PDB file of all heavy atoms in Angstrom:
ATOM      1  N   PRO A   1      85.074 115.660  87.502  1.00  0.00           N
ATOM      2  CA  PRO A   1      84.099 114.649  87.219  1.00  0.00           C
ATOM      3  C   PRO A   1      83.735 114.620  85.682  1.00  0.00           C
ATOM      4  O   PRO A   1      83.726 115.550  85.029  1.00  0.00           O
ATOM      5  CB  PRO A   1      82.954 114.885  88.055  1.00  0.00           C
ATOM      6  CG  PRO A   1      82.824 116.313  88.053  1.00  0.00           C
ATOM      7  CD  PRO A   1      84.361 116.803  88.001  1.00  0.00           C
ATOM      8  N   ASN A   2      83.261 113.479  85.225  1.00  0.00           N
ATOM      9  CA  ASN A   2      82.567 113.375  84.018  1.00  0.00           C
ATOM     10  C   ASN A   2      81.543 112.231  84.179  1.00  0.00           C
ATOM     11  O   ASN A   2      81.356 111.720  85.332  1.00  0.00           O
ATOM     12  CB  ASN A   2      83.362 113.166  82.749  1.00  0.00           C
ATOM     13  CG  ASN A   2      83.994 111.788  82.663  1.00  0.00           C
ATOM     14  OD1 ASN A   2      83.828 110.956  83.535  1.00  0.00           O
ATOM     15  ND2 ASN A   2      84.539 111.506  81.568  1.00  0.00           N
ATOM     16  N   SER A   3      80.748 111.883  83.195  1.00  0.00           N
ATOM     17  CA  SER A   3      79.656 110.983  83.380  1.00  0.00           C
ATOM     18  C   SER A   3      80.091 109.585  83.751  1.00  0.00           C
ATOM     19  O   SER A   3      79.402 109.091  84.690  1.00  0.00           O
ATOM     20  CB  SER A   3      78.866 110.728  82.000  1.00  0.00           C
ATOM     21  OG  SER A   3      79.884 110.321  80.948  1.00  0.00           O
ATOM     22  N   ARG A   4      81.395 109.193  83.456  1.00  0.00           N
ATOM     23  CA  ARG A   4      81.742 107.869  83.934  1.00  0.00           C
ATOM     24  C   ARG A   4      82.324 108.070  85.455  1.00  0.00           C
ATOM     25  O   ARG A   4      82.177 107.119  86.165  1.00  0.00           O
ATOM     26  CB  ARG A   4      82.753 107.272  82.993  1.00  0.00           C
ATOM     27  CG  ARG A   4      82.113 106.800  81.683  1.00  0.00           C
ATOM     28  CD  ARG A   4      83.195 106.507  80.661  1.00  0.00           C
ATOM     29  NE  ARG A   4      83.898 105.293  81.145  1.00  0.00           N
ATOM     30  CZ  ARG A   4      84.867 104.737  80.404  1.00  0.00           C
ATOM     31  NH1 ARG A   4      85.230 105.332  79.245  1.00  0.00           N
ATOM     32  NH2 ARG A   4      85.403 103.614  80.773  1.00  0.00           N
ATOM     33  N   ALA A   5      82.986 109.151  85.679  1.00  0.00           N
ATOM     34  CA  ALA A   5      83.599 109.362  86.972  1.00  0.00           C
ATOM     35  C   ALA A   5      82.444 109.559  88.024  1.00  0.00           C
ATOM     36  O   ALA A   5      82.721 109.259  89.135  1.00  0.00           O
ATOM     37  CB  ALA A   5      84.464 110.621  86.924  1.00  0.00           C
ATOM     38  N   ARG A   6      81.250 109.914  87.644  1.00  0.00           N
ATOM     39  CA  ARG A   6      80.283 110.112  88.648  1.00  0.00           C
ATOM     40  C   ARG A   6      79.832 108.806  89.321  1.00  0.00           C
ATOM     41  O   ARG A   6      79.207 108.752  90.462  1.00  0.00           O
ATOM     42  CB  ARG A   6      79.030 110.679  87.970  1.00  0.00           C
ATOM     43  CG  ARG A   6      79.050 112.082  87.658  1.00  0.00           C
ATOM     44  CD  ARG A   6      77.941 112.670  86.970  1.00  0.00           C
ATOM     45  NE  ARG A   6      78.405 113.563  85.898  1.00  0.00           N
ATOM     46  CZ  ARG A   6      77.545 113.994  84.928  1.00  0.00           C
ATOM     47  NH1 ARG A   6      76.424 113.322  84.758  1.00  0.00           N
ATOM     48  NH2 ARG A   6      77.986 114.744  83.943  1.00  0.00           N
ATOM     49  N   GLY A   7      80.214 107.581  88.717  1.00  0.00           N
ATOM     50  CA  GLY A   7      79.929 106.337  89.210  1.00  0.00           C
ATOM     51  C   GLY A   7      80.573 106.108  90.583  1.00  0.00           C
ATOM     52  O   GLY A   7      80.129 105.360  91.367  1.00  0.00           O
ATOM     53  N   ASN A   8      81.645 106.914  90.706  1.00  0.00           N
ATOM     54  CA  ASN A   8      82.347 106.874  91.968  1.00  0.00           C
ATOM     55  C   ASN A   8      81.688 107.524  93.110  1.00  0.00           C
ATOM     56  O   ASN A   8      82.022 107.469  94.310  1.00  0.00           O
ATOM     57  CB  ASN A   8      83.767 107.385  91.843  1.00  0.00           C
ATOM     58  CG  ASN A   8      84.625 106.502  91.031  1.00  0.00           C
ATOM     59  OD1 ASN A   8      84.604 105.294  91.351  1.00  0.00           O
ATOM     60  ND2 ASN A   8      85.524 107.015  90.230  1.00  0.00           N
ATOM     61  N   LEU A   9      80.595 108.362  92.727  1.00  0.00           N
ATOM     62  CA  LEU A   9      80.051 109.198  93.778  1.00  0.00           C
ATOM     63  C   LEU A   9      78.771 108.581  94.463  1.00  0.00           C
ATOM     64  O   LEU A   9      78.252 109.118  95.285  1.00  0.00           O
ATOM     65  CB  LEU A   9      79.523 110.595  93.152  1.00  0.00           C
ATOM     66  CG  LEU A   9      80.718 111.408  92.650  1.00  0.00           C
ATOM     67  CD1 LEU A   9      80.220 112.586  91.821  1.00  0.00           C
ATOM     68  CD2 LEU A   9      81.615 111.856  93.842  1.00  0.00           C
ATOM     69  N   ILE A  10      78.444 107.344  93.915  1.00  0.00           N
ATOM     70  CA  ILE A  10      77.255 106.762  94.383  1.00  0.00           C
ATOM     71  C   ILE A  10      77.644 105.246  94.643  1.00  0.00           C
ATOM     72  O   ILE A  10      78.523 104.659  94.021  1.00  0.00           O
ATOM     73  CB  ILE A  10      76.073 106.839  93.530  1.00  0.00           C
ATOM     74  CG1 ILE A  10      76.330 106.410  92.074  1.00  0.00           C
ATOM     75  CG2 ILE A  10      75.525 108.285  93.447  1.00  0.00           C
ATOM     76  CD1 ILE A  10      75.183 106.357  91.179  1.00  0.00           C
ATOM     77  N   LEU A  11      76.816 104.626  95.457  1.00  0.00           N
ATOM     78  CA  LEU A  11      77.034 103.192  95.660  1.00  0.00           C
ATOM     79  C   LEU A  11      76.617 102.279  94.473  1.00  0.00           C
ATOM     80  O   LEU A  11      75.588 102.599  93.967  1.00  0.00           O
ATOM     81  CB  LEU A  11      76.257 102.641  96.953  1.00  0.00           C
ATOM     82  CG  LEU A  11      76.730 103.150  98.307  1.00  0.00           C
ATOM     83  CD1 LEU A  11      75.732 102.668  99.342  1.00  0.00           C
ATOM     84  CD2 LEU A  11      78.074 102.434  98.577  1.00  0.00           C
ATOM     85  N   ASP A  12      77.530 101.337  94.138  1.00  0.00           N
ATOM     86  CA  ASP A  12      77.120 100.383  93.131  1.00  0.00           C
ATOM     87  C   ASP A  12      75.794  99.591  93.643  1.00  0.00           C
ATOM     88  O   ASP A  12      75.909  99.244  94.884  1.00  0.00           O
ATOM     89  CB  ASP A  12      78.340  99.463  92.789  1.00  0.00           C
ATOM     90  CG  ASP A  12      78.007  98.566  91.648  1.00  0.00           C
ATOM     91  OD1 ASP A  12      77.158  97.688  91.754  1.00  0.00           O
ATOM     92  OD2 ASP A  12      78.670  98.677  90.664  1.00  0.00           O
ATOM     93  N   ARG A  13      74.906  99.300  92.811  1.00  0.00           N
ATOM     94  CA  ARG A  13      73.758  98.671  93.306  1.00  0.00           C
ATOM     95  C   ARG A  13      74.037  97.235  93.782  1.00  0.00           C
ATOM     96  O   ARG A  13      73.224  96.573  94.539  1.00  0.00           O
ATOM     97  CB  ARG A  13      72.695  98.624  92.114  1.00  0.00           C
ATOM     98  CG  ARG A  13      73.139  97.819  90.934  1.00  0.00           C
ATOM     99  CD  ARG A  13      72.195  97.898  89.910  1.00  0.00           C
ATOM    100  NE  ARG A  13      72.534  97.177  88.705  1.00  0.00           N
ATOM    101  CZ  ARG A  13      71.784  97.159  87.530  1.00  0.00           C
ATOM    102  NH1 ARG A  13      70.646  97.804  87.503  1.00  0.00           N
ATOM    103  NH2 ARG A  13      72.307  96.619  86.540  1.00  0.00           N
ATOM    104  N   ARG A  14      75.236  96.747  93.385  1.00  0.00           N
ATOM    105  CA  ARG A  14      75.546  95.290  93.898  1.00  0.00           C
ATOM    106  C   ARG A  14      76.162  95.524  95.317  1.00  0.00           C
ATOM    107  O   ARG A  14      76.344  94.371  96.002  1.00  0.00           O
ATOM    108  CB  ARG A  14      76.529  94.710  93.084  1.00  0.00           C
ATOM    109  CG  ARG A  14      75.918  94.302  91.643  1.00  0.00           C
ATOM    110  CD  ARG A  14      76.953  93.948  90.672  1.00  0.00           C
ATOM    111  NE  ARG A  14      77.926  95.040  90.423  1.00  0.00           N
ATOM    112  CZ  ARG A  14      79.029  94.876  89.550  1.00  0.00           C
ATOM    113  NH1 ARG A  14      79.230  93.733  88.983  1.00  0.00           N
ATOM    114  NH2 ARG A  14      79.813  95.998  89.494  1.00  0.00           N
ATOM    115  N   VAL A  15      76.447  96.577  95.750  1.00  0.00           N
ATOM    116  CA  VAL A  15      77.217  96.932  97.049  1.00  0.00           C
ATOM    117  C   VAL A  15      76.092  97.447  98.001  1.00  0.00           C
ATOM    118  O   VAL A  15      75.739  98.636  97.863  1.00  0.00           O
ATOM    119  CB  VAL A  15      78.371  97.707  96.882  1.00  0.00           C
ATOM    120  CG1 VAL A  15      79.017  97.924  98.304  1.00  0.00           C
ATOM    121  CG2 VAL A  15      79.393  97.198  95.931  1.00  0.00           C
ATOM    122  N   THR A  16      75.739  96.731  98.960  1.00  0.00           N
ATOM    123  CA  THR A  16      74.634  97.105  99.865  1.00  0.00           C
ATOM    124  C   THR A  16      75.324  98.010 100.939  1.00  0.00           C
ATOM    125  O   THR A  16      76.583  98.022 101.117  1.00  0.00           O
ATOM    126  CB  THR A  16      73.987  95.989 100.559  1.00  0.00           C
ATOM    127  OG1 THR A  16      74.896  95.255 101.344  1.00  0.00           O
ATOM    128  CG2 THR A  16      73.282  95.017  99.557  1.00  0.00           C
ATOM    129  N   ARG A  17      74.513  98.773 101.649  1.00  0.00           N
ATOM    130  CA  ARG A  17      75.114  99.645 102.814  1.00  0.00           C
ATOM    131  C   ARG A  17      75.593  98.721 103.813  1.00  0.00           C
ATOM    132  O   ARG A  17      76.688  99.136 104.404  1.00  0.00           O
ATOM    133  CB  ARG A  17      73.961 100.474 103.312  1.00  0.00           C
ATOM    134  CG  ARG A  17      74.472 101.467 104.409  1.00  0.00           C
ATOM    135  CD  ARG A  17      75.603 102.328 103.842  1.00  0.00           C
ATOM    136  NE  ARG A  17      76.281 103.041 105.047  1.00  0.00           N
ATOM    137  CZ  ARG A  17      76.145 104.326 105.202  1.00  0.00           C
ATOM    138  NH1 ARG A  17      75.218 104.999 104.546  1.00  0.00           N
ATOM    139  NH2 ARG A  17      76.870 104.807 106.163  1.00  0.00           N
ATOM    140  N   GLU A  18      75.064  97.547 104.037  1.00  0.00           N
ATOM    141  CA  GLU A  18      75.563  96.651 105.005  1.00  0.00           C
ATOM    142  C   GLU A  18      76.926  96.195 104.726  1.00  0.00           C
ATOM    143  O   GLU A  18      77.863  96.147 105.528  1.00  0.00           O
ATOM    144  CB  GLU A  18      74.657  95.452 105.176  1.00  0.00           C
ATOM    145  CG  GLU A  18      73.315  95.744 105.849  1.00  0.00           C
ATOM    146  CD  GLU A  18      72.395  96.568 105.003  1.00  0.00           C
ATOM    147  OE1 GLU A  18      72.479  96.461 103.683  1.00  0.00           O
ATOM    148  OE2 GLU A  18      71.551  97.267 105.547  1.00  0.00           O
ATOM    149  N   ARG A  19      77.178  95.871 103.411  1.00  0.00           N
ATOM    150  CA  ARG A  19      78.581  95.346 102.992  1.00  0.00           C
ATOM    151  C   ARG A  19      79.519  96.606 103.139  1.00  0.00           C
ATOM    152  O   ARG A  19      80.704  96.331 103.541  1.00  0.00           O
ATOM    153  CB  ARG A  19      78.543  94.972 101.511  1.00  0.00           C
ATOM    154  CG  ARG A  19      77.766  93.560 101.278  1.00  0.00           C
ATOM    155  CD  ARG A  19      77.943  93.222  99.802  1.00  0.00           C
ATOM    156  NE  ARG A  19      79.339  93.027  99.414  1.00  0.00           N
ATOM    157  CZ  ARG A  19      79.696  92.781  98.190  1.00  0.00           C
ATOM    158  NH1 ARG A  19      78.794  92.896  97.188  1.00  0.00           N
ATOM    159  NH2 ARG A  19      80.896  92.640  97.969  1.00  0.00           N
ATOM    160  N   LEU A  20      79.094  97.775 102.713  1.00  0.00           N
ATOM    161  CA  LEU A  20      80.052  98.946 102.996  1.00  0.00           C
ATOM    162  C   LEU A  20      80.256  99.155 104.360  1.00  0.00           C
ATOM    163  O   LEU A  20      81.449  99.417 104.805  1.00  0.00           O
ATOM    164  CB  LEU A  20      79.297 100.165 102.403  1.00  0.00           C
ATOM    165  CG  LEU A  20      80.226 101.403 102.327  1.00  0.00           C
ATOM    166  CD1 LEU A  20      81.428 101.151 101.391  1.00  0.00           C
ATOM    167  CD2 LEU A  20      79.427 102.642 101.930  1.00  0.00           C
ATOM    168  N   ASP A  21      79.323  98.955 105.237  1.00  0.00           N
ATOM    169  CA  ASP A  21      79.617  99.042 106.680  1.00  0.00           C
ATOM    170  C   ASP A  21      80.616  98.063 107.236  1.00  0.00           C
ATOM    171  O   ASP A  21      81.309  98.438 108.039  1.00  0.00           O
ATOM    172  CB  ASP A  21      78.249  98.915 107.475  1.00  0.00           C
ATOM    173  CG  ASP A  21      77.302 100.208 107.321  1.00  0.00           C
ATOM    174  OD1 ASP A  21      77.910 101.278 106.926  1.00  0.00           O
ATOM    175  OD2 ASP A  21      76.125 100.135 107.622  1.00  0.00           O
ATOM    176  N   ASP A  22      80.446  96.889 106.647  1.00  0.00           N
ATOM    177  CA  ASP A  22      81.405  95.872 107.081  1.00  0.00           C
ATOM    178  C   ASP A  22      82.766  96.240 106.659  1.00  0.00           C
ATOM    179  O   ASP A  22      83.838  96.181 107.472  1.00  0.00           O
ATOM    180  CB  ASP A  22      80.995  94.437 106.345  1.00  0.00           C
ATOM    181  CG  ASP A  22      79.859  93.860 107.027  1.00  0.00           C
ATOM    182  OD1 ASP A  22      79.396  94.320 108.100  1.00  0.00           O
ATOM    183  OD2 ASP A  22      79.265  92.999 106.355  1.00  0.00           O
ATOM    184  N   ARG A  23      83.062  96.819 105.488  1.00  0.00           N
ATOM    185  CA  ARG A  23      84.294  97.230 105.081  1.00  0.00           C
ATOM    186  C   ARG A  23      84.800  98.508 105.894  1.00  0.00           C
ATOM    187  O   ARG A  23      85.834  98.594 106.217  1.00  0.00           O
ATOM    188  CB  ARG A  23      84.267  97.606 103.528  1.00  0.00           C
ATOM    189  CG  ARG A  23      83.875  96.484 102.656  1.00  0.00           C
ATOM    190  CD  ARG A  23      83.804  96.837 101.196  1.00  0.00           C
ATOM    191  NE  ARG A  23      83.400  95.933 100.329  1.00  0.00           N
ATOM    192  CZ  ARG A  23      83.091  96.037  99.032  1.00  0.00           C
ATOM    193  NH1 ARG A  23      83.335  97.099  98.542  1.00  0.00           N
ATOM    194  NH2 ARG A  23      82.647  94.876  98.307  1.00  0.00           N
ATOM    195  N   ALA A  24      83.776  99.312 106.323  1.00  0.00           N
ATOM    196  CA  ALA A  24      84.153 100.426 107.048  1.00  0.00           C
ATOM    197  C   ALA A  24      84.655  99.887 108.428  1.00  0.00           C
ATOM    198  O   ALA A  24      85.581 100.582 109.089  1.00  0.00           O
ATOM    199  CB  ALA A  24      82.997 101.338 107.257  1.00  0.00           C
ATOM    200  N   GLN A  25      83.930  98.900 108.912  1.00  0.00           N
ATOM    201  CA  GLN A  25      84.423  98.350 110.354  1.00  0.00           C
ATOM    202  C   GLN A  25      85.807  97.665 110.181  1.00  0.00           C
ATOM    203  O   GLN A  25      86.536  97.927 111.115  1.00  0.00           O
ATOM    204  CB  GLN A  25      83.397  97.309 110.769  1.00  0.00           C
ATOM    205  CG  GLN A  25      83.663  96.817 112.169  1.00  0.00           C
ATOM    206  CD  GLN A  25      83.535  97.915 113.188  1.00  0.00           C
ATOM    207  OE1 GLN A  25      82.658  98.765 113.247  1.00  0.00           O
ATOM    208  NE2 GLN A  25      84.722  98.024 113.993  1.00  0.00           N
ATOM    209  N   LEU A  26      86.030  97.019 109.077  1.00  0.00           N
ATOM    210  CA  LEU A  26      87.300  96.481 108.857  1.00  0.00           C
ATOM    211  C   LEU A  26      88.506  97.646 108.934  1.00  0.00           C
ATOM    212  O   LEU A  26      89.554  97.522 109.476  1.00  0.00           O
ATOM    213  CB  LEU A  26      87.463  95.638 107.654  1.00  0.00           C
ATOM    214  CG  LEU A  26      88.856  95.024 107.294  1.00  0.00           C
ATOM    215  CD1 LEU A  26      89.277  94.115 108.271  1.00  0.00           C
ATOM    216  CD2 LEU A  26      88.743  94.403 105.843  1.00  0.00           C
ATOM    217  N   LEU A  27      88.127  98.602 108.150  1.00  0.00           N
ATOM    218  CA  LEU A  27      89.004  99.736 108.065  1.00  0.00           C
ATOM    219  C   LEU A  27      89.401 100.329 109.511  1.00  0.00           C
ATOM    220  O   LEU A  27      90.399 100.596 109.897  1.00  0.00           O
ATOM    221  CB  LEU A  27      88.628 100.790 107.126  1.00  0.00           C
ATOM    222  CG  LEU A  27      89.424 102.088 106.866  1.00  0.00           C
ATOM    223  CD1 LEU A  27      90.810 101.704 106.345  1.00  0.00           C
ATOM    224  CD2 LEU A  27      88.763 103.003 106.030  1.00  0.00           C
ATOM    225  N   LYS A  28      88.224 100.477 110.303  1.00  0.00           N
ATOM    226  CA  LYS A  28      88.462 101.063 111.619  1.00  0.00           C
ATOM    227  C   LYS A  28      89.208 100.164 112.439  1.00  0.00           C
ATOM    228  O   LYS A  28      90.066 100.663 113.369  1.00  0.00           O
ATOM    229  CB  LYS A  28      87.003 101.259 112.236  1.00  0.00           C
ATOM    230  CG  LYS A  28      86.217 102.413 111.597  1.00  0.00           C
ATOM    231  CD  LYS A  28      84.865 102.581 112.276  1.00  0.00           C
ATOM    232  CE  LYS A  28      84.072 103.802 111.574  1.00  0.00           C
ATOM    233  NZ  LYS A  28      82.722 103.940 112.234  1.00  0.00           N
ATOM    234  N   ASP A  29      89.015  98.841 112.320  1.00  0.00           N
ATOM    235  CA  ASP A  29      89.818  97.799 113.156  1.00  0.00           C
ATOM    236  C   ASP A  29      91.338  98.102 112.822  1.00  0.00           C
ATOM    237  O   ASP A  29      92.196  98.120 113.666  1.00  0.00           O
ATOM    238  CB  ASP A  29      89.523  96.446 112.823  1.00  0.00           C
ATOM    239  CG  ASP A  29      87.976  96.150 113.401  1.00  0.00           C
ATOM    240  OD1 ASP A  29      87.562  96.856 114.228  1.00  0.00           O
ATOM    241  OD2 ASP A  29      87.345  95.202 112.924  1.00  0.00           O
ATOM    242  N   LEU A  30      91.673  98.147 111.458  1.00  0.00           N
ATOM    243  CA  LEU A  30      92.979  98.347 111.128  1.00  0.00           C
ATOM    244  C   LEU A  30      93.580  99.638 111.630  1.00  0.00           C
ATOM    245  O   LEU A  30      94.785  99.812 112.038  1.00  0.00           O
ATOM    246  CB  LEU A  30      93.159  98.292 109.572  1.00  0.00           C
ATOM    247  CG  LEU A  30      92.859  96.920 108.940  1.00  0.00           C
ATOM    248  CD1 LEU A  30      92.839  97.020 107.422  1.00  0.00           C
ATOM    249  CD2 LEU A  30      93.967  95.864 109.408  1.00  0.00           C
ATOM    250  N   ASP A  31      92.762 100.706 111.528  1.00  0.00           N
ATOM    251  CA  ASP A  31      93.235 102.074 111.994  1.00  0.00           C
ATOM    252  C   ASP A  31      93.354 102.041 113.518  1.00  0.00           C
ATOM    253  O   ASP A  31      94.283 102.638 114.024  1.00  0.00           O
ATOM    254  CB  ASP A  31      92.117 103.139 111.715  1.00  0.00           C
ATOM    255  CG  ASP A  31      92.214 103.464 110.220  1.00  0.00           C
ATOM    256  OD1 ASP A  31      93.232 103.129 109.522  1.00  0.00           O
ATOM    257  OD2 ASP A  31      91.137 103.949 109.699  1.00  0.00           O
ATOM    258  N   GLY A  32      92.605 101.180 114.203  1.00  0.00           N
ATOM    259  CA  GLY A  32      92.833 101.016 115.694  1.00  0.00           C
ATOM    260  C   GLY A  32      94.023 100.518 115.971  1.00  0.00           C
ATOM    261  O   GLY A  32      94.772 100.918 116.897  1.00  0.00           O
ATOM    262  N   ILE A  33      94.589  99.449 115.225  1.00  0.00           N
ATOM    263  CA  ILE A  33      95.991  98.897 115.415  1.00  0.00           C
ATOM    264  C   ILE A  33      96.989 100.060 115.202  1.00  0.00           C
ATOM    265  O   ILE A  33      97.969 100.166 115.945  1.00  0.00           O
ATOM    266  CB  ILE A  33      96.234  97.727 114.493  1.00  0.00           C
ATOM    267  CG1 ILE A  33      95.197  96.636 114.822  1.00  0.00           C
ATOM    268  CG2 ILE A  33      97.624  97.285 114.615  1.00  0.00           C
ATOM    269  CD1 ILE A  33      95.260  95.504 113.851  1.00  0.00           C
ATOM    270  N   LYS A  34      96.721 100.851 114.180  1.00  0.00           N
ATOM    271  CA  LYS A  34      97.715 101.897 113.845  1.00  0.00           C
ATOM    272  C   LYS A  34      97.761 103.043 115.129  1.00  0.00           C
ATOM    273  O   LYS A  34      98.823 103.355 115.407  1.00  0.00           O
ATOM    274  CB  LYS A  34      97.367 102.494 112.481  1.00  0.00           C
ATOM    275  CG  LYS A  34      97.585 101.667 111.267  1.00  0.00           C
ATOM    276  CD  LYS A  34      97.178 102.384 110.015  1.00  0.00           C
ATOM    277  CE  LYS A  34      97.246 101.578 108.824  1.00  0.00           C
ATOM    278  NZ  LYS A  34      96.832 102.287 107.619  1.00  0.00           N
ATOM    279  N   ARG A  35      96.690 103.240 115.485  1.00  0.00           N
ATOM    280  CA  ARG A  35      96.501 104.217 116.547  1.00  0.00           C
ATOM    281  C   ARG A  35      97.266 103.657 117.811  1.00  0.00           C
ATOM    282  O   ARG A  35      97.860 104.530 118.592  1.00  0.00           O
ATOM    283  CB  ARG A  35      95.054 104.517 116.964  1.00  0.00           C
ATOM    284  CG  ARG A  35      94.404 105.400 115.886  1.00  0.00           C
ATOM    285  CD  ARG A  35      93.112 106.049 116.446  1.00  0.00           C
ATOM    286  NE  ARG A  35      92.176 105.032 116.832  1.00  0.00           N
ATOM    287  CZ  ARG A  35      91.231 104.494 116.084  1.00  0.00           C
ATOM    288  NH1 ARG A  35      91.206 104.834 114.729  1.00  0.00           N
ATOM    289  NH2 ARG A  35      90.419 103.567 116.547  1.00  0.00           N
ATOM    290  N   ALA A  36      97.121 102.377 118.029  1.00  0.00           N
ATOM    291  CA  ALA A  36      97.817 101.962 119.265  1.00  0.00           C
ATOM    292  C   ALA A  36      99.347 102.047 119.163  1.00  0.00           C
ATOM    293  O   ALA A  36      99.984 102.061 120.141  1.00  0.00           O
ATOM    294  CB  ALA A  36      97.540 100.386 119.391  1.00  0.00           C
ATOM    295  N   MET A  37      99.773 102.063 117.874  1.00  0.00           N
ATOM    296  CA  MET A  37     101.192 102.197 117.598  1.00  0.00           C
ATOM    297  C   MET A  37     101.658 103.716 117.632  1.00  0.00           C
ATOM    298  O   MET A  37     102.740 103.987 117.634  1.00  0.00           O
ATOM    299  CB  MET A  37     101.659 101.594 116.399  1.00  0.00           C
ATOM    300  CG  MET A  37     101.295 100.128 116.346  1.00  0.00           C
ATOM    301  SD  MET A  37     101.479  99.258 114.685  1.00  0.00           S
ATOM    302  CE  MET A  37     103.289  99.607 114.481  1.00  0.00           C
ATOM    303  N   ASP A  38     100.666 104.662 117.550  1.00  0.00           N
ATOM    304  CA  ASP A  38     100.975 106.018 117.502  1.00  0.00           C
ATOM    305  C   ASP A  38     100.894 106.632 118.880  1.00  0.00           C
ATOM    306  O   ASP A  38      99.720 106.978 119.275  1.00  0.00           O
ATOM    307  CB  ASP A  38     100.107 106.522 116.398  1.00  0.00           C
ATOM    308  CG  ASP A  38     100.466 108.068 116.224  1.00  0.00           C
ATOM    309  OD1 ASP A  38     101.387 108.494 116.921  1.00  0.00           O
ATOM    310  OD2 ASP A  38      99.829 108.712 115.323  1.00  0.00           O
ATOM    311  N   ALA A  39     101.960 106.791 119.602  1.00  0.00           N
ATOM    312  CA  ALA A  39     101.793 107.337 121.011  1.00  0.00           C
ATOM    313  C   ALA A  39     101.275 108.761 121.005  1.00  0.00           C
ATOM    314  O   ALA A  39     100.667 109.219 122.029  1.00  0.00           O
ATOM    315  CB  ALA A  39     103.185 107.346 121.639  1.00  0.00           C
ATOM    316  N   SER A  40     101.439 109.537 119.868  1.00  0.00           N
ATOM    317  CA  SER A  40     100.933 110.892 119.856  1.00  0.00           C
ATOM    318  C   SER A  40      99.407 110.975 119.672  1.00  0.00           C
ATOM    319  O   SER A  40      98.831 112.148 119.738  1.00  0.00           O
ATOM    320  CB  SER A  40     101.645 111.766 118.694  1.00  0.00           C
ATOM    321  OG  SER A  40     101.394 111.222 117.504  1.00  0.00           O
TER     322      SER A  40
END
């Protein structure tokens, strides 16, 4: 890390936790499709 890289360690003030949660839900939905294709 350095001073600019630390910006990746915290939420941008323009990105609310709710928006992040929405993105997380989208990722989970996509992963669910992948899991359905993964018999193991």
